Amino acid sequence: MVPNTYKTRFCSSCSNKYNEDRAISIFSKLFKWRHRHVVFTIPEDLRGIFQNNRKLLNLLFQASAITIKYWFKEKYKKYNLIPAFISVLHTYGRALNWNPHIHMILLDGGISKTNFKNIDFFSYASFRKRFMKVLLDLLENELGKNEFRQIKNDLYRRYKDGFYVYAPKSLYKSIKGLLKYVCKYLSRPVMAESRILDYDGTFVTFWYQRHTDNVIVIEKIHAYEFIHRF
């Protein structure tokens, strides 16, 4: 017998190995200081645009990076600080729905040519409004004013506080713990087998914990729909 690996994220063993290797590689590049996990999300209204044109997903990286750099420039102008972060893209939610968003590992500090400055506070409100503005401007530039201006204006009316951005202090005791959590989105199967409760030959029943209120939701969908989401 010759052992083989699938080398795919649908294989738990292969994905776990990839996860460990990627975490080690990223850890070697990070400053040995506190980091936090920042999540940049978009409303459901915009998800279809990214699903129909996957090339636009790169704008999520650009918008989140510009948001962080702008905040540092405005907040710590006299120090001329540069932020340090690594971003990864996650394209689905717990219900296996299309939900592209950015996970960022952000250094709790800034770097200049002469020193390092510790930073304990990051402004959620500032991040949210800036991220929305930058992303909508980038989308308008790509799609054109005639195609996107009405959507853009409508989103400004309905999301007065900006798009949701979450940036709390890290609950992990070490950078490696945070890295392991974030990197698993790059490689793991989109659903653990333990979340599948039943398959009757036609329908698949599975559960997930809803982000907004941590309620356990049980969903039953046709096998074809399950494969499509998967």
C-alpha atoms as a PDB file:
ATOM      1  CA  MET A   1       0.000   0.000   0.000  1.00  0.00           C
ATOM      2  CA  VAL A   2       1.142   3.510  -0.827  1.00  0.00           C
ATOM      3  CA  PRO A   3      -0.092   6.323   1.450  1.00  0.00           C
ATOM      4  CA  ASN A   4      -1.621   9.305  -0.357  1.00  0.00           C
ATOM      5  CA  THR A   5      -2.960  12.677   0.702  1.00  0.00           C
ATOM      6  CA  TYR A   6      -5.858  14.497  -0.906  1.00  0.00           C
ATOM      7  CA  LYS A   7      -4.200  17.919  -0.596  1.00  0.00           C
ATOM      8  CA  THR A   8      -7.595  19.585  -0.367  1.00  0.00           C
ATOM      9  CA  ARG A   9      -9.459  21.553   2.306  1.00  0.00           C
ATOM     10  CA  PHE A  10     -12.228  18.921   2.194  1.00  0.00           C
ATOM     11  CA  CYS A  11      -9.826  16.522   3.920  1.00  0.00           C
ATOM     12  CA  SER A  12      -9.536  17.228   7.665  1.00  0.00           C
ATOM     13  CA  SER A  13      -6.049  15.714   7.957  1.00  0.00           C
ATOM     14  CA  CYS A  14      -4.619  17.666   5.006  1.00  0.00           C
ATOM     15  CA  SER A  15      -6.250  20.923   6.091  1.00  0.00           C
ATOM     16  CA  ASN A  16      -4.974  20.620   9.656  1.00  0.00           C
ATOM     17  CA  LYS A  17      -1.423  20.084   8.405  1.00  0.00           C
ATOM     18  CA  TYR A  18      -1.731  23.075   6.088  1.00  0.00           C
ATOM     19  CA  ASN A  19      -3.129  25.137   8.953  1.00  0.00           C
ATOM     20  CA  GLU A  20      -0.157  24.342  11.195  1.00  0.00           C
ATOM     21  CA  ASP A  21       2.389  25.079   8.461  1.00  0.00           C
ATOM     22  CA  ARG A  22       0.749  28.371   7.542  1.00  0.00           C
ATOM     23  CA  ALA A  23       0.496  29.484  11.192  1.00  0.00           C
ATOM     24  CA  ILE A  24       4.207  28.766  11.731  1.00  0.00           C
ATOM     25  CA  SER A  25       5.120  30.691   8.575  1.00  0.00           C
ATOM     26  CA  ILE A  26       3.049  33.741   9.574  1.00  0.00           C
ATOM     27  CA  PHE A  27       4.288  33.638  13.174  1.00  0.00           C
ATOM     28  CA  SER A  28       7.890  33.960  11.950  1.00  0.00           C
ATOM     29  CA  LYS A  29       6.975  37.260  10.280  1.00  0.00           C
ATOM     30  CA  LEU A  30       5.066  38.869  13.152  1.00  0.00           C
ATOM     31  CA  PHE A  31       6.384  41.194  15.831  1.00  0.00           C
ATOM     32  CA  LYS A  32       6.545  39.418  19.168  1.00  0.00           C
ATOM     33  CA  TRP A  33       3.928  41.641  20.732  1.00  0.00           C
ATOM     34  CA  ARG A  34       0.191  41.631  21.343  1.00  0.00           C
ATOM     35  CA  HIS A  35      -2.076  41.412  18.315  1.00  0.00           C
ATOM     36  CA  ARG A  36      -5.840  41.558  17.945  1.00  0.00           C
ATOM     37  CA  HIS A  37      -8.346  39.927  15.638  1.00  0.00           C
ATOM     38  CA  VAL A  38     -10.221  42.471  13.487  1.00  0.00           C
ATOM     39  CA  VAL A  39     -13.168  41.446  11.308  1.00  0.00           C
ATOM     40  CA  PHE A  40     -14.394  43.620   8.427  1.00  0.00           C
ATOM     41  CA  THR A  41     -17.855  42.665   7.142  1.00  0.00           C
ATOM     42  CA  ILE A  42     -20.211  43.859   4.421  1.00  0.00           C
ATOM     43  CA  PRO A  43     -24.040  43.971   4.396  1.00  0.00           C
ATOM     44  CA  GLU A  44     -26.039  41.340   2.561  1.00  0.00           C
ATOM     45  CA  ASP A  45     -26.945  43.922  -0.081  1.00  0.00           C
ATOM     46  CA  LEU A  46     -23.390  43.828  -1.462  1.00  0.00           C
ATOM     47  CA  ARG A  47     -22.683  40.107  -1.307  1.00  0.00           C
ATOM     48  CA  GLY A  48     -24.256  39.313  -4.663  1.00  0.00           C
ATOM     49  CA  ILE A  49     -21.983  41.822  -6.407  1.00  0.00           C
ATOM     50  CA  PHE A  50     -18.891  40.007  -5.138  1.00  0.00           C
ATOM     51  CA  GLN A  51     -20.375  36.587  -5.860  1.00  0.00           C
ATOM     52  CA  ASN A  52     -21.036  37.499  -9.485  1.00  0.00           C
ATOM     53  CA  ASN A  53     -17.573  39.002  -9.950  1.00  0.00           C
ATOM     54  CA  ARG A  54     -14.976  37.280  -7.770  1.00  0.00           C
ATOM     55  CA  LYS A  55     -12.219  39.626  -8.988  1.00  0.00           C
ATOM     56  CA  LEU A  56     -13.828  42.347  -6.870  1.00  0.00           C
ATOM     57  CA  LEU A  57     -12.969  40.404  -3.695  1.00  0.00           C
ATOM     58  CA  ASN A  58      -9.532  42.021  -3.787  1.00  0.00           C
ATOM     59  CA  LEU A  59     -11.260  45.320  -2.989  1.00  0.00           C
ATOM     60  CA  LEU A  60     -12.048  43.972   0.490  1.00  0.00           C
ATOM     61  CA  PHE A  61      -8.318  43.641   1.162  1.00  0.00           C
ATOM     62  CA  GLN A  62      -7.684  47.138  -0.206  1.00  0.00           C
ATOM     63  CA  ALA A  63     -10.505  48.797   1.729  1.00  0.00           C
ATOM     64  CA  SER A  64      -9.591  47.223   5.080  1.00  0.00           C
ATOM     65  CA  ALA A  65      -5.895  48.093   4.641  1.00  0.00           C
ATOM     66  CA  ILE A  66      -6.669  51.695   3.663  1.00  0.00           C
ATOM     67  CA  THR A  67      -8.981  51.985   6.689  1.00  0.00           C
ATOM     68  CA  ILE A  68      -6.271  50.959   9.150  1.00  0.00           C
ATOM     69  CA  LYS A  69      -3.561  53.077   7.524  1.00  0.00           C
ATOM     70  CA  TYR A  70      -5.811  56.148   7.451  1.00  0.00           C
ATOM     71  CA  TRP A  71      -6.674  55.815  11.157  1.00  0.00           C
ATOM     72  CA  PHE A  72      -2.995  55.558  12.098  1.00  0.00           C
ATOM     73  CA  LYS A  73      -2.120  58.564   9.943  1.00  0.00           C
ATOM     74  CA  GLU A  74      -4.836  60.749  11.485  1.00  0.00           C
ATOM     75  CA  LYS A  75      -4.506  59.554  15.086  1.00  0.00           C
ATOM     76  CA  TYR A  76      -0.705  59.421  15.347  1.00  0.00           C
ATOM     77  CA  LYS A  77       0.364  61.938  12.740  1.00  0.00           C
ATOM     78  CA  LYS A  78       3.205  63.400  14.815  1.00  0.00           C
ATOM     79  CA  TYR A  79       4.711  59.951  15.400  1.00  0.00           C
ATOM     80  CA  ASN A  80       4.522  58.944  11.725  1.00  0.00           C
ATOM     81  CA  LEU A  81       3.507  55.428  12.789  1.00  0.00           C
ATOM     82  CA  ILE A  82       3.063  52.539  10.383  1.00  0.00           C
ATOM     83  CA  PRO A  83       0.599  49.752  11.269  1.00  0.00           C
ATOM     84  CA  ALA A  84       1.481  46.075  10.926  1.00  0.00           C
ATOM     85  CA  PHE A  85      -1.145  43.507   9.965  1.00  0.00           C
ATOM     86  CA  ILE A  86      -1.869  40.356   7.993  1.00  0.00           C
ATOM     87  CA  SER A  87      -5.273  39.825   6.331  1.00  0.00           C
ATOM     88  CA  VAL A  88      -7.089  36.730   5.109  1.00  0.00           C
ATOM     89  CA  LEU A  89     -10.345  36.385   3.192  1.00  0.00           C
ATOM     90  CA  HIS A  90     -13.222  34.237   4.414  1.00  0.00           C
ATOM     91  CA  THR A  91     -16.072  33.755   1.937  1.00  0.00           C
ATOM     92  CA  TYR A  92     -18.784  31.932   3.899  1.00  0.00           C
ATOM     93  CA  GLY A  93     -20.762  32.091   7.123  1.00  0.00           C
ATOM     94  CA  ARG A  94     -21.642  29.388   9.630  1.00  0.00           C
ATOM     95  CA  ALA A  95     -24.800  28.528   7.698  1.00  0.00           C
ATOM     96  CA  LEU A  96     -22.622  27.869   4.605  1.00  0.00           C
ATOM     97  CA  ASN A  97     -24.049  31.044   3.050  1.00  0.00           C
ATOM     98  CA  TRP A  98     -21.983  33.291   0.784  1.00  0.00           C
ATOM     99  CA  ASN A  99     -20.649  35.961   3.128  1.00  0.00           C
ATOM    100  CA  PRO A 100     -17.230  37.400   2.138  1.00  0.00           C
ATOM    101  CA  HIS A 101     -15.370  39.217   4.905  1.00  0.00           C
ATOM    102  CA  ILE A 102     -11.824  39.999   6.028  1.00  0.00           C
ATOM    103  CA  HIS A 103     -10.065  38.581   9.087  1.00  0.00           C
ATOM    104  CA  MET A 104      -7.098  40.750  10.071  1.00  0.00           C
ATOM    105  CA  ILE A 105      -4.343  40.088  12.599  1.00  0.00           C
ATOM    106  CA  LEU A 106      -3.419  43.610  13.718  1.00  0.00           C
ATOM    107  CA  LEU A 107      -0.439  44.569  15.877  1.00  0.00           C
ATOM    108  CA  ASP A 108      -1.400  46.442  19.062  1.00  0.00           C
ATOM    109  CA  GLY A 109       1.032  49.178  18.220  1.00  0.00           C
ATOM    110  CA  GLY A 110       2.707  51.199  15.508  1.00  0.00           C
ATOM    111  CA  ILE A 111       6.239  51.354  14.141  1.00  0.00           C
ATOM    112  CA  SER A 112       8.291  54.361  13.129  1.00  0.00           C
ATOM    113  CA  LYS A 113      11.859  54.678  11.955  1.00  0.00           C
ATOM    114  CA  THR A 114      13.055  55.262  15.497  1.00  0.00           C
ATOM    115  CA  ASN A 115      10.743  53.444  17.895  1.00  0.00           C
ATOM    116  CA  PHE A 116       7.654  51.357  18.664  1.00  0.00           C
ATOM    117  CA  LYS A 117       4.523  52.788  20.276  1.00  0.00           C
ATOM    118  CA  ASN A 118       2.083  50.569  22.154  1.00  0.00           C
ATOM    119  CA  ILE A 119      -1.602  51.118  21.302  1.00  0.00           C
ATOM    120  CA  ASP A 120      -4.409  49.785  23.492  1.00  0.00           C
ATOM    121  CA  PHE A 121      -7.376  51.528  21.860  1.00  0.00           C
ATOM    122  CA  PHE A 122      -8.696  51.309  18.315  1.00  0.00           C
ATOM    123  CA  SER A 123     -11.834  53.240  17.317  1.00  0.00           C
ATOM    124  CA  TYR A 124     -14.626  50.909  16.153  1.00  0.00           C
ATOM    125  CA  ALA A 125     -16.782  53.839  14.997  1.00  0.00           C
ATOM    126  CA  SER A 126     -13.981  55.323  12.917  1.00  0.00           C
ATOM    127  CA  PHE A 127     -13.157  51.953  11.346  1.00  0.00           C
ATOM    128  CA  ARG A 128     -16.779  51.276  10.418  1.00  0.00           C
ATOM    129  CA  LYS A 129     -17.472  54.570   8.674  1.00  0.00           C
ATOM    130  CA  ARG A 130     -14.097  54.708   6.931  1.00  0.00           C
ATOM    131  CA  PHE A 131     -14.325  51.095   5.737  1.00  0.00           C
ATOM    132  CA  MET A 132     -17.772  51.732   4.273  1.00  0.00           C
ATOM    133  CA  LYS A 133     -16.684  54.907   2.484  1.00  0.00           C
ATOM    134  CA  VAL A 134     -13.500  53.434   1.049  1.00  0.00           C
ATOM    135  CA  LEU A 135     -15.153  50.205  -0.106  1.00  0.00           C
ATOM    136  CA  LEU A 136     -18.109  51.980  -1.734  1.00  0.00           C
ATOM    137  CA  ASP A 137     -15.765  54.417  -3.499  1.00  0.00           C
ATOM    138  CA  LEU A 138     -13.661  51.521  -4.804  1.00  0.00           C
ATOM    139  CA  LEU A 139     -16.748  49.668  -6.020  1.00  0.00           C
ATOM    140  CA  GLU A 140     -18.081  52.764  -7.736  1.00  0.00           C
ATOM    141  CA  ASN A 141     -14.751  53.207  -9.475  1.00  0.00           C
ATOM    142  CA  GLU A 142     -14.864  49.602 -10.715  1.00  0.00           C
ATOM    143  CA  LEU A 143     -18.560  49.378 -11.632  1.00  0.00           C
ATOM    144  CA  GLY A 144     -19.164  52.950 -12.794  1.00  0.00           C
ATOM    145  CA  LYS A 145     -21.334  55.733 -11.390  1.00  0.00           C
ATOM    146  CA  ASN A 146     -24.340  54.888 -13.554  1.00  0.00           C
ATOM    147  CA  GLU A 147     -24.363  51.294 -12.308  1.00  0.00           C
ATOM    148  CA  PHE A 148     -23.527  51.825  -8.656  1.00  0.00           C
ATOM    149  CA  ARG A 149     -24.394  55.369  -7.507  1.00  0.00           C
ATOM    150  CA  GLN A 150     -27.994  54.598  -6.535  1.00  0.00           C
ATOM    151  CA  ILE A 151     -26.900  51.512  -4.546  1.00  0.00           C
ATOM    152  CA  LYS A 152     -24.177  53.559  -2.861  1.00  0.00           C
ATOM    153  CA  ASN A 153     -26.536  56.358  -1.829  1.00  0.00           C
ATOM    154  CA  ASP A 154     -29.075  53.862  -0.496  1.00  0.00           C
ATOM    155  CA  LEU A 155     -26.424  52.134   1.632  1.00  0.00           C
ATOM    156  CA  TYR A 156     -25.318  55.468   3.113  1.00  0.00           C
ATOM    157  CA  ARG A 157     -28.920  56.166   4.126  1.00  0.00           C
ATOM    158  CA  ARG A 158     -29.434  52.781   5.774  1.00  0.00           C
ATOM    159  CA  TYR A 159     -26.005  52.259   7.402  1.00  0.00           C
ATOM    160  CA  LYS A 160     -25.397  55.561   9.127  1.00  0.00           C
ATOM    161  CA  ASP A 161     -22.885  53.964  11.527  1.00  0.00           C
ATOM    162  CA  GLY A 162     -20.944  52.306   8.723  1.00  0.00           C
ATOM    163  CA  PHE A 163     -20.376  48.644   7.951  1.00  0.00           C
ATOM    164  CA  TYR A 164     -19.794  46.296  10.882  1.00  0.00           C
ATOM    165  CA  VAL A 165     -16.172  46.092  12.057  1.00  0.00           C
ATOM    166  CA  TYR A 166     -15.181  44.172  15.192  1.00  0.00           C
ATOM    167  CA  ALA A 167     -11.805  44.867  16.801  1.00  0.00           C
ATOM    168  CA  PRO A 168     -11.678  43.816  20.493  1.00  0.00           C
ATOM    169  CA  LYS A 169      -8.563  43.064  22.503  1.00  0.00           C
ATOM    170  CA  SER A 170      -7.413  39.523  21.930  1.00  0.00           C
ATOM    171  CA  LEU A 171      -8.742  36.871  24.303  1.00  0.00           C
ATOM    172  CA  TYR A 172      -5.914  34.522  23.354  1.00  0.00           C
ATOM    173  CA  LYS A 173      -3.005  34.120  25.740  1.00  0.00           C
ATOM    174  CA  SER A 174      -0.486  33.926  22.909  1.00  0.00           C
ATOM    175  CA  ILE A 175      -0.063  35.061  19.324  1.00  0.00           C
ATOM    176  CA  LYS A 176       0.064  31.409  18.264  1.00  0.00           C
ATOM    177  CA  GLY A 177      -3.416  30.816  19.668  1.00  0.00           C
ATOM    178  CA  LEU A 178      -4.798  33.741  17.678  1.00  0.00           C
ATOM    179  CA  LEU A 179      -2.965  32.608  14.560  1.00  0.00           C
ATOM    180  CA  LYS A 180      -4.307  29.084  14.826  1.00  0.00           C
ATOM    181  CA  TYR A 181      -7.854  30.419  15.035  1.00  0.00           C
ATOM    182  CA  VAL A 182      -7.538  32.806  12.067  1.00  0.00           C
ATOM    183  CA  CYS A 183      -5.539  30.445   9.847  1.00  0.00           C
ATOM    184  CA  LYS A 184      -8.075  27.654  10.115  1.00  0.00           C
ATOM    185  CA  TYR A 185     -10.350  29.717   7.876  1.00  0.00           C
ATOM    186  CA  LEU A 186      -7.782  29.310   5.105  1.00  0.00           C
ATOM    187  CA  SER A 187      -7.659  25.554   5.097  1.00  0.00           C
ATOM    188  CA  ARG A 188     -10.247  23.692   7.134  1.00  0.00           C
ATOM    189  CA  PRO A 189     -13.360  22.065   5.660  1.00  0.00           C
ATOM    190  CA  VAL A 190     -16.240  24.530   5.635  1.00  0.00           C
ATOM    191  CA  MET A 191     -18.120  22.341   8.105  1.00  0.00           C
ATOM    192  CA  ALA A 192     -17.098  19.782  10.703  1.00  0.00           C
ATOM    193  CA  GLU A 193     -18.720  16.385  10.179  1.00  0.00           C
ATOM    194  CA  SER A 194     -20.047  16.563  13.751  1.00  0.00           C
ATOM    195  CA  ARG A 195     -22.407  19.376  12.673  1.00  0.00           C
ATOM    196  CA  ILE A 196     -24.257  17.089  10.265  1.00  0.00           C
ATOM    197  CA  LEU A 197     -27.142  15.590  12.239  1.00  0.00           C
ATOM    198  CA  ASP A 198     -28.882  13.500   9.603  1.00  0.00           C
ATOM    199  CA  TYR A 199     -29.048  12.542   5.926  1.00  0.00           C
ATOM    200  CA  ASP A 200     -32.146  10.629   4.769  1.00  0.00           C
ATOM    201  CA  GLY A 201     -31.059  10.137   1.182  1.00  0.00           C
ATOM    202  CA  THR A 202     -32.638  13.403   0.035  1.00  0.00           C
ATOM    203  CA  PHE A 203     -32.245  16.036   2.745  1.00  0.00           C
ATOM    204  CA  VAL A 204     -29.300  17.000   4.959  1.00  0.00           C
ATOM    205  CA  THR A 205     -29.922  18.289   8.481  1.00  0.00           C
ATOM    206  CA  PHE A 206     -27.142  20.249  10.169  1.00  0.00           C
ATOM    207  CA  TRP A 207     -26.692  22.795  12.930  1.00  0.00           C
ATOM    208  CA  TYR A 208     -24.713  26.002  13.443  1.00  0.00           C
ATOM    209  CA  GLN A 209     -24.374  28.616  16.172  1.00  0.00           C
ATOM    210  CA  ARG A 210     -25.632  31.991  15.024  1.00  0.00           C
ATOM    211  CA  HIS A 211     -23.103  34.814  15.461  1.00  0.00           C
ATOM    212  CA  THR A 212     -25.566  37.531  16.417  1.00  0.00           C
ATOM    213  CA  ASP A 213     -27.045  35.861  19.506  1.00  0.00           C
ATOM    214  CA  ASN A 214     -25.179  32.502  19.860  1.00  0.00           C
ATOM    215  CA  VAL A 215     -28.448  30.604  19.365  1.00  0.00           C
ATOM    216  CA  ILE A 216     -28.132  27.055  17.968  1.00  0.00           C
ATOM    217  CA  VAL A 217     -29.951  26.887  14.613  1.00  0.00           C
ATOM    218  CA  ILE A 218     -30.925  23.583  12.975  1.00  0.00           C
ATOM    219  CA  GLU A 219     -31.423  23.683   9.210  1.00  0.00           C
ATOM    220  CA  LYS A 220     -32.705  21.017   6.807  1.00  0.00           C
ATOM    221  CA  ILE A 221     -31.969  21.474   3.116  1.00  0.00           C
ATOM    222  CA  HIS A 222     -31.921  19.363  -0.034  1.00  0.00           C
ATOM    223  CA  ALA A 223     -28.676  17.467  -0.640  1.00  0.00           C
ATOM    224  CA  TYR A 224     -28.110  19.358  -3.900  1.00  0.00           C
ATOM    225  CA  GLU A 225     -28.428  22.681  -2.070  1.00  0.00           C
ATOM    226  CA  PHE A 226     -26.053  21.415   0.617  1.00  0.00           C
ATOM    227  CA  ILE A 227     -23.464  20.456  -2.006  1.00  0.00           C
ATOM    228  CA  HIS A 228     -23.934  23.811  -3.719  1.00  0.00           C
ATOM    229  CA  ARG A 229     -23.238  25.700  -0.477  1.00  0.00           C
ATOM    230  CA  PHE A 230     -20.379  23.388   0.448  1.00  0.00           C
END
